[in-house]
Structures are given as structure tokens and as C-alpha cells.
Amino acid sequence: MATVTEKSSGQSPINVSRFLKGIDFPVQKEQLVQQAQQNQADREVINLIQRLEDREYDNIADVMKGFDNLQQKQTQQPQGRVQSKQAQQHRR
């Protein structure tokens, strides 16, 4: 089992590992939330972790990949809406 021991600052997904210090992998998403709460993460960090896919995470790199996937989904949604509007205009 891997244990997160790195420290960093800030509340970006990359720095969430600060609040996961001491967790033993693999873990489910709910365990990530609980560990962050125990490490006194603020509400913004907890909300960010709760947005992760509900699955097992093997290590901190796997958690970071989960955040990357969230960001990709967010950037794809607006583009899809723009394309839909363009498609609607072409139909007229």
C-alpha cells in the first residue's frame, strides 16, 4: 500500500494531495473525502474531491488523473453547446 506524505499548498487539484496526507491506497472516493476532512481541508477541496468519479483509486497519480478527467469534461461541454448552436443555425 502506498501512503501519501507529500506536502504542497493551495487548493487546486494538483495540490489536493496535501489534504490526503496519511491515506493508504487503494481507496474509494469516500475514503478520500474522509481523509481530507480529517486533515482539515476546506469546503472547496472537499467539493472538488466529491466531484471525482465514484470508484477505487490506486495511488495519488490515479487521483490526479481523475481531476484531469473532470477538467476535460468541463472544457468539452461548452464546445458541444457551441457546436449545437452552429448546427441549429445551419438548419435554418
N, C-alpha and C. Protein backbone atom coordinates (compact mmCIF):
# COMPACT_ATOMS: atom_id res chain seq x y z
N MET A 1 0.83 -1.18 0.00
CA MET A 1 0.00 0.00 0.00
C MET A 1 0.88 1.25 0.00
N ALA A 2 0.52 2.22 -0.81
CA ALA A 2 1.26 3.47 -0.85
C ALA A 2 0.63 4.46 0.12
N THR A 3 1.46 5.28 0.72
CA THR A 3 0.97 6.31 1.63
C THR A 3 1.37 7.67 1.11
N VAL A 4 0.43 8.60 1.07
CA VAL A 4 0.73 9.96 0.63
C VAL A 4 1.39 10.70 1.78
N THR A 5 2.57 11.25 1.53
CA THR A 5 3.26 12.01 2.56
C THR A 5 3.70 13.37 2.06
N GLU A 6 3.47 13.66 0.78
CA GLU A 6 3.94 14.93 0.24
C GLU A 6 3.10 16.09 0.74
N LYS A 7 3.74 17.25 0.84
CA LYS A 7 3.04 18.46 1.27
C LYS A 7 3.11 19.47 0.16
N SER A 8 2.03 20.20 -0.05
CA SER A 8 2.00 21.29 -1.01
C SER A 8 0.98 22.29 -0.52
N SER A 9 0.88 23.40 -1.20
CA SER A 9 -0.05 24.43 -0.76
C SER A 9 -1.06 24.72 -1.84
N GLY A 10 -2.10 25.42 -1.47
CA GLY A 10 -3.12 25.78 -2.44
C GLY A 10 -4.27 24.81 -2.43
N GLN A 11 -5.25 25.08 -3.29
CA GLN A 11 -6.44 24.25 -3.32
C GLN A 11 -6.75 23.74 -4.72
N SER A 12 -5.80 23.82 -5.63
CA SER A 12 -6.00 23.29 -6.96
C SER A 12 -5.96 21.77 -6.90
N PRO A 13 -6.50 21.10 -7.92
CA PRO A 13 -6.45 19.64 -7.92
C PRO A 13 -5.05 19.09 -7.74
N ILE A 14 -4.07 19.76 -8.30
CA ILE A 14 -2.70 19.29 -8.19
C ILE A 14 -2.23 19.31 -6.73
N ASN A 15 -2.74 20.25 -5.94
CA ASN A 15 -2.30 20.40 -4.55
C ASN A 15 -3.21 19.72 -3.53
N VAL A 16 -4.21 19.01 -4.00
CA VAL A 16 -5.12 18.33 -3.08
C VAL A 16 -4.39 17.27 -2.26
N SER A 17 -3.28 16.78 -2.79
CA SER A 17 -2.54 15.73 -2.08
C SER A 17 -2.14 16.17 -0.67
N ARG A 18 -2.00 17.47 -0.46
CA ARG A 18 -1.70 17.99 0.89
C ARG A 18 -2.74 17.50 1.90
N PHE A 19 -3.98 17.47 1.46
CA PHE A 19 -5.08 17.10 2.35
C PHE A 19 -5.33 15.60 2.39
N LEU A 20 -4.57 14.85 1.58
CA LEU A 20 -4.70 13.39 1.58
C LEU A 20 -3.53 12.73 2.30
N LYS A 21 -2.73 13.54 2.97
CA LYS A 21 -1.57 13.04 3.70
C LYS A 21 -2.00 11.94 4.67
N GLY A 22 -1.28 10.83 4.65
CA GLY A 22 -1.55 9.74 5.58
C GLY A 22 -2.50 8.68 5.07
N ILE A 23 -3.07 8.85 3.90
CA ILE A 23 -4.03 7.86 3.38
C ILE A 23 -3.27 6.68 2.78
N ASP A 24 -3.81 5.50 2.97
CA ASP A 24 -3.25 4.27 2.39
C ASP A 24 -4.08 3.87 1.18
N PHE A 25 -3.40 3.73 0.06
CA PHE A 25 -4.07 3.30 -1.17
C PHE A 25 -4.01 1.78 -1.28
N PRO A 26 -4.94 1.16 -1.99
CA PRO A 26 -6.04 1.74 -2.76
C PRO A 26 -7.20 2.17 -1.85
N VAL A 27 -7.97 3.17 -2.33
CA VAL A 27 -9.10 3.70 -1.57
C VAL A 27 -10.27 4.01 -2.50
N GLN A 28 -11.44 4.04 -1.91
CA GLN A 28 -12.63 4.50 -2.62
C GLN A 28 -12.72 6.02 -2.48
N LYS A 29 -13.50 6.64 -3.33
CA LYS A 29 -13.65 8.09 -3.31
C LYS A 29 -14.08 8.58 -1.93
N GLU A 30 -14.99 7.90 -1.29
CA GLU A 30 -15.48 8.33 0.03
C GLU A 30 -14.35 8.38 1.06
N GLN A 31 -13.40 7.46 0.94
CA GLN A 31 -12.25 7.48 1.86
C GLN A 31 -11.35 8.69 1.59
N LEU A 32 -11.26 9.13 0.35
CA LEU A 32 -10.53 10.36 0.02
C LEU A 32 -11.18 11.55 0.70
N VAL A 33 -12.51 11.60 0.64
CA VAL A 33 -13.26 12.69 1.28
C VAL A 33 -13.02 12.68 2.79
N GLN A 34 -13.13 11.50 3.40
CA GLN A 34 -12.95 11.39 4.84
C GLN A 34 -11.54 11.81 5.27
N GLN A 35 -10.53 11.40 4.50
CA GLN A 35 -9.15 11.76 4.85
C GLN A 35 -8.94 13.27 4.73
N ALA A 36 -9.49 13.87 3.70
CA ALA A 36 -9.38 15.32 3.53
C ALA A 36 -10.05 16.04 4.69
N GLN A 37 -11.19 15.54 5.12
CA GLN A 37 -11.88 16.15 6.26
C GLN A 37 -11.04 16.02 7.53
N GLN A 38 -10.44 14.86 7.75
CA GLN A 38 -9.58 14.65 8.92
C GLN A 38 -8.37 15.59 8.89
N ASN A 39 -7.90 15.90 7.70
CA ASN A 39 -6.75 16.80 7.55
C ASN A 39 -7.18 18.26 7.43
N GLN A 40 -8.42 18.53 7.81
CA GLN A 40 -8.97 19.88 7.90
C GLN A 40 -8.97 20.64 6.57
N ALA A 41 -9.28 19.93 5.51
CA ALA A 41 -9.43 20.58 4.21
C ALA A 41 -10.66 21.49 4.25
N ASP A 42 -10.60 22.58 3.52
CA ASP A 42 -11.75 23.48 3.49
C ASP A 42 -12.82 22.93 2.54
N ARG A 43 -13.95 23.57 2.54
CA ARG A 43 -15.12 23.09 1.79
C ARG A 43 -14.83 23.00 0.29
N GLU A 44 -14.06 23.92 -0.23
CA GLU A 44 -13.72 23.92 -1.66
C GLU A 44 -13.00 22.64 -2.05
N VAL A 45 -12.06 22.21 -1.23
CA VAL A 45 -11.30 20.99 -1.50
C VAL A 45 -12.21 19.77 -1.39
N ILE A 46 -13.04 19.73 -0.37
CA ILE A 46 -13.98 18.61 -0.19
C ILE A 46 -14.91 18.51 -1.40
N ASN A 47 -15.43 19.64 -1.84
CA ASN A 47 -16.33 19.65 -3.01
C ASN A 47 -15.61 19.13 -4.25
N LEU A 48 -14.36 19.51 -4.41
CA LEU A 48 -13.58 19.07 -5.56
C LEU A 48 -13.40 17.56 -5.54
N ILE A 49 -13.07 17.01 -4.39
CA ILE A 49 -12.90 15.56 -4.26
C ILE A 49 -14.23 14.84 -4.51
N GLN A 50 -15.31 15.40 -4.01
CA GLN A 50 -16.62 14.77 -4.17
C GLN A 50 -17.05 14.72 -5.64
N ARG A 51 -16.49 15.57 -6.47
CA ARG A 51 -16.82 15.56 -7.90
C ARG A 51 -16.11 14.46 -8.67
N LEU A 52 -15.14 13.81 -8.03
CA LEU A 52 -14.44 12.71 -8.67
C LEU A 52 -15.39 11.56 -8.97
N GLU A 53 -15.02 10.74 -9.93
CA GLU A 53 -15.78 9.54 -10.25
C GLU A 53 -15.80 8.62 -9.03
N ASP A 54 -16.94 7.99 -8.78
CA ASP A 54 -17.10 7.10 -7.63
C ASP A 54 -16.51 5.73 -7.98
N ARG A 55 -15.23 5.54 -7.61
CA ARG A 55 -14.51 4.30 -7.92
C ARG A 55 -13.32 4.15 -6.99
N GLU A 56 -12.54 3.10 -7.17
CA GLU A 56 -11.34 2.89 -6.38
C GLU A 56 -10.16 3.59 -7.05
N TYR A 57 -9.33 4.23 -6.23
CA TYR A 57 -8.12 4.92 -6.71
C TYR A 57 -6.91 4.18 -6.15
N ASP A 58 -5.97 3.86 -7.04
CA ASP A 58 -4.82 3.03 -6.67
C ASP A 58 -3.67 3.80 -6.04
N ASN A 59 -3.54 5.08 -6.37
CA ASN A 59 -2.44 5.91 -5.86
C ASN A 59 -2.76 7.38 -6.11
N ILE A 60 -1.89 8.27 -5.67
CA ILE A 60 -2.15 9.70 -5.82
C ILE A 60 -2.17 10.10 -7.30
N ALA A 61 -1.36 9.44 -8.11
CA ALA A 61 -1.37 9.74 -9.55
C ALA A 61 -2.73 9.40 -10.16
N ASP A 62 -3.35 8.34 -9.69
CA ASP A 62 -4.68 7.95 -10.15
C ASP A 62 -5.71 9.01 -9.76
N VAL A 63 -5.57 9.57 -8.57
CA VAL A 63 -6.46 10.65 -8.12
C VAL A 63 -6.29 11.87 -9.03
N MET A 64 -5.04 12.21 -9.34
CA MET A 64 -4.78 13.37 -10.20
C MET A 64 -5.35 13.15 -11.60
N LYS A 65 -5.27 11.92 -12.09
CA LYS A 65 -5.89 11.60 -13.39
C LYS A 65 -7.40 11.83 -13.33
N GLY A 66 -7.99 11.50 -12.19
CA GLY A 66 -9.42 11.74 -12.01
C GLY A 66 -9.76 13.22 -12.11
N PHE A 67 -8.91 14.07 -11.54
CA PHE A 67 -9.12 15.52 -11.66
C PHE A 67 -8.93 15.98 -13.10
N ASP A 68 -7.96 15.41 -13.80
CA ASP A 68 -7.75 15.75 -15.21
C ASP A 68 -9.00 15.41 -16.02
N ASN A 69 -9.59 14.24 -15.74
CA ASN A 69 -10.80 13.84 -16.45
C ASN A 69 -11.95 14.81 -16.20
N LEU A 70 -12.05 15.29 -14.95
CA LEU A 70 -13.08 16.29 -14.64
C LEU A 70 -12.89 17.55 -15.46
N GLN A 71 -11.65 18.03 -15.53
CA GLN A 71 -11.36 19.25 -16.28
C GLN A 71 -11.64 19.06 -17.76
N GLN A 72 -11.33 17.90 -18.30
CA GLN A 72 -11.59 17.63 -19.71
C GLN A 72 -13.09 17.64 -19.99
N LYS A 73 -13.87 17.06 -19.11
CA LYS A 73 -15.32 17.05 -19.28
C LYS A 73 -15.88 18.46 -19.26
N GLN A 74 -15.35 19.31 -18.37
CA GLN A 74 -15.82 20.68 -18.27
C GLN A 74 -15.50 21.48 -19.53
N THR A 75 -14.32 21.27 -20.10
CA THR A 75 -13.95 22.02 -21.29
C THR A 75 -14.66 21.50 -22.52
N GLN A 76 -15.07 20.26 -22.53
CA GLN A 76 -15.78 19.70 -23.67
C GLN A 76 -17.23 20.14 -23.71
N GLN A 77 -17.88 20.34 -22.58
CA GLN A 77 -19.28 20.70 -22.56
C GLN A 77 -19.57 22.01 -23.28
N PRO A 78 -18.87 23.09 -22.99
CA PRO A 78 -19.17 24.34 -23.69
C PRO A 78 -18.96 24.21 -25.19
N GLN A 79 -17.94 23.47 -25.63
CA GLN A 79 -17.71 23.29 -27.05
C GLN A 79 -18.87 22.56 -27.69
N GLY A 80 -19.40 21.57 -27.01
CA GLY A 80 -20.54 20.84 -27.54
C GLY A 80 -21.76 21.73 -27.72
N ARG A 81 -21.95 22.64 -26.77
CA ARG A 81 -23.07 23.57 -26.86
C ARG A 81 -22.88 24.53 -28.01
N VAL A 82 -21.67 24.98 -28.23
CA VAL A 82 -21.39 25.89 -29.34
C VAL A 82 -21.66 25.17 -30.65
N GLN A 83 -21.20 23.93 -30.75
CA GLN A 83 -21.43 23.18 -31.97
C GLN A 83 -22.92 22.96 -32.20
N SER A 84 -23.66 22.73 -31.14
CA SER A 84 -25.10 22.54 -31.27
C SER A 84 -25.76 23.81 -31.80
N LYS A 85 -25.34 24.96 -31.29
CA LYS A 85 -25.89 26.23 -31.77
C LYS A 85 -25.55 26.45 -33.24
N GLN A 86 -24.33 26.12 -33.62
CA GLN A 86 -23.93 26.25 -35.01
C GLN A 86 -24.74 25.33 -35.90
N ALA A 87 -24.96 24.12 -35.42
CA ALA A 87 -25.76 23.17 -36.19
C ALA A 87 -27.18 23.67 -36.35
N GLN A 88 -27.72 24.29 -35.29
CA GLN A 88 -29.08 24.84 -35.37
C GLN A 88 -29.15 25.97 -36.38
N GLN A 89 -28.14 26.80 -36.44
CA GLN A 89 -28.13 27.91 -37.37
C GLN A 89 -28.07 27.41 -38.82
N HIS A 90 -27.33 26.33 -39.05
CA HIS A 90 -27.22 25.76 -40.38
C HIS A 90 -28.53 25.11 -40.82
N ARG A 91 -29.32 24.67 -39.88
CA ARG A 91 -30.60 24.04 -40.20
C ARG A 91 -31.64 25.06 -40.64
N ARG A 92 -31.45 26.31 -40.27
CA ARG A 92 -32.46 27.36 -40.59
C ARG A 92 -32.39 27.81 -42.00
